[in-house]
Each structure stands twice: as C-alpha cells, then as structure tokens.
C-alpha atoms as a PDB file:
ATOM      1  CA  MET A   1     -11.485 -38.286  40.714  1.00  0.00           C
ATOM      2  CA  GLU A   2      -8.065 -39.824  40.268  1.00  0.00           C
ATOM      3  CA  GLY A   3      -5.608 -39.734  37.394  1.00  0.00           C
ATOM      4  CA  ARG A   4      -2.066 -40.688  36.414  1.00  0.00           C
ATOM      5  CA  ILE A   5       0.686 -38.622  34.793  1.00  0.00           C
ATOM      6  CA  VAL A   6       1.773 -40.289  31.559  1.00  0.00           C
ATOM      7  CA  GLY A   7       4.478 -37.820  30.529  1.00  0.00           C
ATOM      8  CA  HIS A   8       5.218 -34.451  28.985  1.00  0.00           C
ATOM      9  CA  ARG A   9       3.582 -33.162  25.859  1.00  0.00           C
ATOM     10  CA  LEU A  10       6.078 -33.504  23.018  1.00  0.00           C
ATOM     11  CA  GLY A  11       6.551 -31.465  19.874  1.00  0.00           C
ATOM     12  CA  GLY A  12       8.629 -32.000  16.769  1.00  0.00           C
ATOM     13  CA  ASN A  13      11.908 -30.750  18.174  1.00  0.00           C
ATOM     14  CA  ARG A  14      11.147 -30.023  21.813  1.00  0.00           C
ATOM     15  CA  TYR A  15       9.083 -30.955  24.830  1.00  0.00           C
ATOM     16  CA  TYR A  16       6.813 -28.697  26.836  1.00  0.00           C
ATOM     17  CA  PRO A  17       7.794 -28.897  30.530  1.00  0.00           C
ATOM     18  CA  ARG A  18       4.647 -27.131  31.754  1.00  0.00           C
ATOM     19  CA  GLN A  19       2.237 -29.337  29.840  1.00  0.00           C
ATOM     20  CA  LEU A  20       1.675 -32.870  31.074  1.00  0.00           C
ATOM     21  CA  ILE A  21      -0.455 -35.656  29.641  1.00  0.00           C
ATOM     22  CA  ILE A  22      -2.829 -37.028  32.271  1.00  0.00           C
ATOM     23  CA  GLU A  23      -4.761 -40.282  31.983  1.00  0.00           C
ATOM     24  CA  VAL A  24      -8.037 -40.020  33.879  1.00  0.00           C
ATOM     25  CA  GLU A  25      -9.484 -43.211  35.303  1.00  0.00           C
ATOM     26  CA  GLY A  26     -13.202 -43.590  34.767  1.00  0.00           C
ATOM     27  CA  ALA A  27     -13.659 -40.515  32.594  1.00  0.00           C
ATOM     28  CA  GLY A  28     -16.216 -42.237  30.382  1.00  0.00           C
ATOM     29  CA  LYS A  29     -18.355 -39.817  28.422  1.00  0.00           C
ATOM     30  CA  ASP A  30     -17.951 -36.864  30.812  1.00  0.00           C
ATOM     31  CA  ILE A  31     -15.227 -35.310  28.687  1.00  0.00           C
ATOM     32  CA  SER A  32     -16.648 -31.797  28.637  1.00  0.00           C
ATOM     33  CA  ALA A  33     -17.100 -31.887  32.426  1.00  0.00           C
ATOM     34  CA  ILE A  34     -13.415 -32.668  32.995  1.00  0.00           C
ATOM     35  CA  ILE A  35     -11.982 -29.877  30.844  1.00  0.00           C
ATOM     36  CA  GLY A  36     -11.363 -26.801  32.976  1.00  0.00           C
ATOM     37  CA  LYS A  37     -10.929 -28.653  36.281  1.00  0.00           C
ATOM     38  CA  LYS A  38      -7.850 -28.331  38.473  1.00  0.00           C
ATOM     39  CA  VAL A  39      -5.218 -31.029  38.856  1.00  0.00           C
ATOM     40  CA  VAL A  40      -3.082 -31.374  42.000  1.00  0.00           C
ATOM     41  CA  TRP A  41       0.129 -33.379  42.293  1.00  0.00           C
ATOM     42  CA  VAL A  42       1.866 -33.538  45.687  1.00  0.00           C
ATOM     43  CA  HIS A  43       5.626 -34.070  45.908  1.00  0.00           C
ATOM     44  CA  PRO A  44       6.212 -37.289  47.890  1.00  0.00           C
ATOM     45  CA  VAL A  45       9.159 -35.953  49.930  1.00  0.00           C
ATOM     46  CA  THR A  46       8.618 -32.221  50.443  1.00  0.00           C
ATOM     47  CA  GLY A  47       4.812 -32.191  50.302  1.00  0.00           C
ATOM     48  CA  ARG A  48       4.829 -29.264  47.883  1.00  0.00           C
ATOM     49  CA  LYS A  49       1.664 -29.003  45.783  1.00  0.00           C
ATOM     50  CA  PHE A  50       1.782 -28.419  42.039  1.00  0.00           C
ATOM     51  CA  VAL A  51      -1.545 -27.184  40.702  1.00  0.00           C
ATOM     52  CA  GLY A  52      -2.508 -27.305  37.049  1.00  0.00           C
ATOM     53  CA  LYS A  53      -5.564 -26.985  34.870  1.00  0.00           C
ATOM     54  CA  ILE A  54      -6.930 -29.440  32.313  1.00  0.00           C
ATOM     55  CA  VAL A  55      -6.930 -27.568  29.015  1.00  0.00           C
ATOM     56  CA  ARG A  56      -7.944 -30.033  26.299  1.00  0.00           C
ATOM     57  CA  ARG A  57      -8.219 -33.654  25.294  1.00  0.00           C
ATOM     58  CA  HIS A  58      -5.279 -35.668  23.989  1.00  0.00           C
ATOM     59  CA  GLY A  59      -6.127 -38.448  21.550  1.00  0.00           C
ATOM     60  CA  LYS A  60      -9.114 -40.761  21.667  1.00  0.00           C
ATOM     61  CA  ARG A  61      -8.389 -42.440  24.993  1.00  0.00           C
ATOM     62  CA  ASN A  62      -9.087 -40.953  28.411  1.00  0.00           C
ATOM     63  CA  ARG A  63      -6.059 -38.680  28.239  1.00  0.00           C
ATOM     64  CA  PHE A  64      -5.959 -34.923  28.689  1.00  0.00           C
ATOM     65  CA  ILE A  65      -3.360 -32.156  28.622  1.00  0.00           C
ATOM     66  CA  ALA A  66      -2.915 -30.222  31.842  1.00  0.00           C
ATOM     67  CA  TYR A  67      -1.074 -26.894  31.976  1.00  0.00           C
ATOM     68  CA  PHE A  68       0.978 -26.063  35.097  1.00  0.00           C
ATOM     69  CA  ARG A  69       2.306 -22.592  35.942  1.00  0.00           C
ATOM     70  CA  VAL A  70       5.303 -24.091  37.722  1.00  0.00           C
ATOM     71  CA  PRO A  71       6.581 -27.185  35.906  1.00  0.00           C
ATOM     72  CA  PRO A  72       6.579 -30.308  38.100  1.00  0.00           C
ATOM     73  CA  PRO A  73       9.857 -32.243  38.396  1.00  0.00           C
ATOM     74  CA  GLY A  74      10.582 -35.389  36.461  1.00  0.00           C
ATOM     75  CA  GLN A  75       9.650 -37.458  39.512  1.00  0.00           C
ATOM     76  CA  ALA A  76       6.022 -36.660  38.746  1.00  0.00           C
ATOM     77  CA  LYS A  77       6.010 -38.964  35.720  1.00  0.00           C
ATOM     78  CA  GLY A  78       3.954 -42.037  36.535  1.00  0.00           C
ATOM     79  CA  GLY A  79       2.605 -40.483  39.715  1.00  0.00           C
ATOM     80  CA  SER A  80      -1.008 -40.082  40.677  1.00  0.00           C
ATOM     81  CA  VAL A  81      -2.915 -36.813  40.658  1.00  0.00           C
ATOM     82  CA  VAL A  82      -6.188 -35.667  42.176  1.00  0.00           C
ATOM     83  CA  ILE A  83      -8.714 -33.902  39.957  1.00  0.00           C
ATOM     84  CA  VAL A  84     -10.673 -31.310  41.908  1.00  0.00           C
END
C-alpha cells in the first residue's frame, strides 16, 4: 500500500518532528486494519530507511499520524511512503 507525507503534526505553539501526517491512497473503510502498521520512507540520495508506525487517524479524510523514532528530514515532506 502506498501513501504520501503531507507534513508534520502541529500543535498550538510547536510542531512535533517525530510525528508526520500521512495520506493513504485507497484506504477506504479499512481504517482499523491500517492502524498499527509500519511506514517506511527511503531517503532519495543516501538510501537510508526511516521506519515509523501508524498510531491513529487524523481528521475525516484518509490521513493518519505516524510516529518515527528518528525524525525524518524536511525533504520527506511530499514524498511517498510504503505501508508494510
């Protein structure tokens, strides 16, 4: 399953660098099946893999919040991810 990184999760006075909003293509009604799955983003130059986990839903669209142990760089915004 494929997805796209929309941006960081924002708060009132700060942003959360380890939490990214991911828009999943073709999620449909399988929302509970997506939560808990791993998300992988690969750096286009170095090939380094950033692995995260989908924690919860974000809004009413097909968007979810993924938590990463190591925060991905800003180049990840707008990039595609693979949901395993």
